[in-house]
Each structure stands twice: as structure tokens, then as C-alpha cells.
């Protein structure tokens, strides 16, 4: 169980490092597409360094009911 937790933490830390290196964390706007791109990059983890470049191009948030 500890090894699995350690691997998941390392995976996410590597993904966060990839987000930082690409500049996603320094120029964040209030757009859900930017947050989606950051989340995908973090979840992709080490795969980012194999050429994977996940991006969310557009998203729409649901509007509250009147």
C-alpha cells in the first residue's frame, strides 16, 4: 500500500513539474480551459516527457438555474 501511494505522489509531482516548466502555473487566467489543461498535464505525469501534450481548447461551465 505504501509503495502504491509513493508512486502516485511521485507521478503527480512529476506532472506538476511539467506544468510549471511549460509555464501553465505562471500565466493562469480565470478560464476553465486553462485549469483543465493544468489538471490534464498533472494527471498525465511522466507521460508529458514522452511527447504527450494534453490541452483543453474550450469548455463551457453550466449556468445556474434562474
C-alpha atoms as a PDB file:
ATOM      1  CA  UNK A   1       0.000   0.000   0.000  1.00  0.00           C
ATOM      2  CA  UNK A   2       2.830   2.407   0.833  1.00  0.00           C
ATOM      3  CA  UNK A   3       4.589   1.734  -2.450  1.00  0.00           C
ATOM      4  CA  UNK A   4       1.414   2.495  -4.402  1.00  0.00           C
ATOM      5  CA  UNK A   5       0.897   5.751  -2.523  1.00  0.00           C
ATOM      6  CA  UNK A   6       4.510   6.728  -3.097  1.00  0.00           C
ATOM      7  CA  UNK A   7       4.216   6.016  -6.820  1.00  0.00           C
ATOM      8  CA  UNK A   8       1.017   8.083  -7.136  1.00  0.00           C
ATOM      9  CA  UNK A   9       2.605  11.009  -5.289  1.00  0.00           C
ATOM     10  CA  UNK A  10       5.732  10.851  -7.453  1.00  0.00           C
ATOM     11  CA  UNK A  11       3.557  10.662 -10.603  1.00  0.00           C
ATOM     12  CA  UNK A  12       1.621  13.801  -9.611  1.00  0.00           C
ATOM     13  CA  UNK A  13       4.758  15.691  -8.578  1.00  0.00           C
ATOM     14  CA  UNK A  14       6.324  14.980 -11.969  1.00  0.00           C
ATOM     15  CA  UNK A  15       3.121  16.183 -13.649  1.00  0.00           C
ATOM     16  CA  UNK A  16       3.145  19.378 -11.592  1.00  0.00           C
ATOM     17  CA  UNK A  17       6.776  19.935 -12.582  1.00  0.00           C
ATOM     18  CA  UNK A  18       5.818  19.561 -16.250  1.00  0.00           C
ATOM     19  CA  UNK A  19       3.036  22.130 -15.797  1.00  0.00           C
ATOM     20  CA  UNK A  20       5.474  24.537 -14.189  1.00  0.00           C
ATOM     21  CA  UNK A  21       8.106  24.026 -16.904  1.00  0.00           C
ATOM     22  CA  UNK A  22       5.552  24.767 -19.625  1.00  0.00           C
ATOM     23  CA  UNK A  23       4.556  27.997 -17.888  1.00  0.00           C
ATOM     24  CA  UNK A  24       0.986  26.918 -17.171  1.00  0.00           C
ATOM     25  CA  UNK A  25       1.253  27.860 -13.496  1.00  0.00           C
ATOM     26  CA  UNK A  26       2.707  31.327 -14.029  1.00  0.00           C
ATOM     27  CA  UNK A  27       0.183  32.687 -16.541  1.00  0.00           C
ATOM     28  CA  UNK A  28      -3.140  31.304 -15.311  1.00  0.00           C
ATOM     29  CA  UNK A  29      -6.283  33.130 -16.336  1.00  0.00           C
ATOM     30  CA  UNK A  30      -9.757  32.578 -14.931  1.00  0.00           C
ATOM     31  CA  UNK A  31     -10.677  30.357 -17.886  1.00  0.00           C
ATOM     32  CA  UNK A  32     -11.808  26.791 -17.260  1.00  0.00           C
ATOM     33  CA  UNK A  33      -9.818  25.637 -20.298  1.00  0.00           C
ATOM     34  CA  UNK A  34      -6.601  26.764 -18.601  1.00  0.00           C
ATOM     35  CA  UNK A  35      -7.498  24.907 -15.419  1.00  0.00           C
ATOM     36  CA  UNK A  36      -8.387  21.833 -17.470  1.00  0.00           C
ATOM     37  CA  UNK A  37      -5.054  21.939 -19.269  1.00  0.00           C
ATOM     38  CA  UNK A  38      -3.191  22.173 -15.960  1.00  0.00           C
ATOM     39  CA  UNK A  39      -5.177  19.277 -14.500  1.00  0.00           C
ATOM     40  CA  UNK A  40      -4.589  17.092 -17.565  1.00  0.00           C
ATOM     41  CA  UNK A  41      -0.876  17.851 -17.533  1.00  0.00           C
ATOM     42  CA  UNK A  42      -0.577  16.970 -13.838  1.00  0.00           C
ATOM     43  CA  UNK A  43      -2.560  13.739 -14.250  1.00  0.00           C
ATOM     44  CA  UNK A  44      -0.529  12.727 -17.325  1.00  0.00           C
ATOM     45  CA  UNK A  45       2.586  12.924 -15.123  1.00  0.00           C
ATOM     46  CA  UNK A  46       5.736  11.418 -16.661  1.00  0.00           C
ATOM     47  CA  UNK A  47       3.965  10.854 -19.982  1.00  0.00           C
ATOM     48  CA  UNK A  48       4.462  14.581 -20.604  1.00  0.00           C
ATOM     49  CA  UNK A  49       8.154  13.920 -21.130  1.00  0.00           C
ATOM     50  CA  UNK A  50       7.463  11.297 -23.801  1.00  0.00           C
ATOM     51  CA  UNK A  51       5.808  13.859 -26.081  1.00  0.00           C
ATOM     52  CA  UNK A  52       2.274  13.905 -24.718  1.00  0.00           C
ATOM     53  CA  UNK A  53       0.988  17.473 -24.644  1.00  0.00           C
ATOM     54  CA  UNK A  54      -2.581  17.450 -23.300  1.00  0.00           C
ATOM     55  CA  UNK A  55      -4.586  20.637 -23.806  1.00  0.00           C
ATOM     56  CA  UNK A  56      -8.169  21.656 -23.261  1.00  0.00           C
ATOM     57  CA  UNK A  57      -9.102  24.038 -26.064  1.00  0.00           C
ATOM     58  CA  UNK A  58     -12.532  25.072 -24.885  1.00  0.00           C
ATOM     59  CA  UNK A  59     -15.013  24.382 -22.168  1.00  0.00           C
ATOM     60  CA  UNK A  60     -18.304  25.773 -21.031  1.00  0.00           C
ATOM     61  CA  UNK A  61     -19.486  25.801 -17.471  1.00  0.00           C
ATOM     62  CA  UNK A  62     -23.138  25.150 -16.718  1.00  0.00           C
ATOM     63  CA  UNK A  63     -25.115  28.226 -15.807  1.00  0.00           C
ATOM     64  CA  UNK A  64     -27.116  28.288 -12.582  1.00  0.00           C
ATOM     65  CA  UNK A  65     -30.860  27.829 -12.814  1.00  0.00           C
ATOM     66  CA  UNK A  66     -32.929  31.031 -12.619  1.00  0.00           C
END
